[in-house]
Protein backbone atom coordinates (compact mmCIF):
# COMPACT_ATOMS: atom_id res chain seq x y z
CA MET A 1 0.00 0.00 0.00
CA ASN A 2 1.25 3.40 -0.79
CA VAL A 3 0.74 6.51 1.32
CA ASN A 4 -2.09 7.76 -0.89
CA ASN A 5 -4.17 4.61 -0.31
CA VAL A 6 -3.59 4.76 3.44
CA GLU A 7 -4.70 8.39 3.51
CA ARG A 8 -7.86 7.52 1.57
CA MET A 9 -8.69 4.63 3.93
CA LEU A 10 -8.14 6.85 6.95
CA PHE A 11 -10.36 9.55 5.46
CA VAL A 12 -13.13 7.01 4.74
CA ALA A 13 -12.91 5.61 8.28
CA VAL A 14 -13.15 9.08 9.84
CA ALA A 15 -16.02 10.08 7.54
CA LEU A 16 -17.99 6.93 8.34
CA SER A 17 -17.54 7.38 12.08
CA MET A 18 -18.74 10.99 11.83
CA LEU A 19 -21.79 9.94 9.80
CA SER A 20 -22.74 7.23 12.28
CA THR A 21 -22.41 9.70 15.18
CA ALA A 22 -24.61 12.22 13.38
CA ALA A 23 -27.21 9.57 12.61
CA TRP A 24 -27.23 8.48 16.26
CA ALA A 25 -27.86 12.05 17.42
CA GLN A 26 -30.91 12.36 15.12
CA LYS A 27 -32.87 9.70 17.02
CA PRO A 28 -35.86 10.70 19.12
CA CYS A 29 -34.82 10.86 22.77
CA GLU A 30 -37.33 8.35 24.12
CA GLU A 31 -36.31 5.77 21.50
CA LEU A 32 -32.61 6.16 22.23
CA LYS A 33 -33.22 6.14 25.98
CA GLY A 34 -35.10 2.84 25.62
CA GLU A 35 -32.22 1.32 23.66
CA ILE A 36 -29.67 2.44 26.25
CA ASP A 37 -31.87 1.12 29.06
CA ALA A 38 -32.14 -2.28 27.33
CA LYS A 39 -28.35 -2.47 26.92
CA LEU A 40 -27.74 -1.60 30.57
CA GLN A 41 -30.25 -4.21 31.74
CA ALA A 42 -28.72 -6.82 29.42
CA LYS A 43 -25.34 -6.14 31.05
CA GLY A 44 -26.86 -6.68 34.49
CA VAL A 45 -26.71 -3.07 35.65
CA LYS A 46 -29.27 -2.75 38.46
CA SER A 47 -29.42 0.63 40.16
CA TYR A 48 -29.37 3.62 37.84
CA THR A 49 -31.41 6.42 36.36
CA LEU A 50 -31.52 7.73 32.82
CA ASP A 51 -32.75 11.26 32.25
CA ILE A 52 -33.20 13.40 29.15
CA VAL A 53 -31.87 16.92 29.68
CA ALA A 54 -31.19 19.99 27.56
CA ASN A 55 -27.53 20.50 26.63
CA ASP A 56 -27.16 23.49 28.92
CA ALA A 57 -28.58 21.51 31.88
CA VAL A 58 -25.77 18.94 31.86
CA LYS A 59 -23.63 19.40 34.96
CA ASP A 60 -21.23 16.69 36.18
CA GLN A 61 -23.49 13.86 35.00
CA LYS A 62 -22.25 11.11 32.73
CA VAL A 63 -23.63 11.66 29.22
CA VAL A 64 -24.50 8.33 27.57
CA GLY A 65 -26.36 9.60 24.52
CA SER A 66 -27.20 12.56 22.34
CA CYS A 67 -30.56 12.91 20.63
CA GLU A 68 -32.91 15.19 18.72
CA GLY A 69 -30.19 16.57 16.50
CA GLY A 70 -27.77 17.00 19.39
CA SER A 71 -30.07 19.43 21.22
CA LYS A 72 -30.55 17.09 24.19
CA LYS A 73 -28.45 14.59 26.12
CA ILE A 74 -29.27 11.40 27.97
CA VAL A 75 -27.47 11.26 31.30
CA TYR A 76 -26.77 8.25 33.49
CA ALA A 77 -26.52 8.20 37.26
CA ARG A 78 -25.96 5.32 39.66
CA SER A 79 -28.41 5.08 42.51
CA GLY A 80 -29.00 2.92 45.56
CA ALA A 81 -32.63 2.36 44.59
CA PRO A 82 -33.91 -0.11 41.99
CA THR A 83 -33.66 0.86 38.34
CA SER A 84 -35.60 3.99 37.46
CA VAL A 85 -36.04 5.24 33.95
CA SER A 86 -37.68 8.65 34.18
CA THR A 87 -40.59 9.15 31.83
CA ALA A 88 -41.25 12.74 32.83
CA PRO A 89 -41.78 15.02 29.84
CA THR A 90 -38.83 17.19 28.96
CA PRO A 91 -39.19 20.89 28.25
């Protein structure tokens, strides 16, 4: 492989990763939150909360997803109580 082919492959890899990230962010928040919840439960995670918040409302929470065109984030928090997935409407 010459340098030109390596550069092209690297460019394609970066472009594809950016496209998949953008597509992920376009999902409706409730749909993405449900998918994340299912993955956490499948991994045996027991005590946590997932909340949908506006970008400017994110403090020191762990962001586990971006949705609605990147305008909102899904944040994860561990808790001592049983699993709680908030279904409260978001502003």
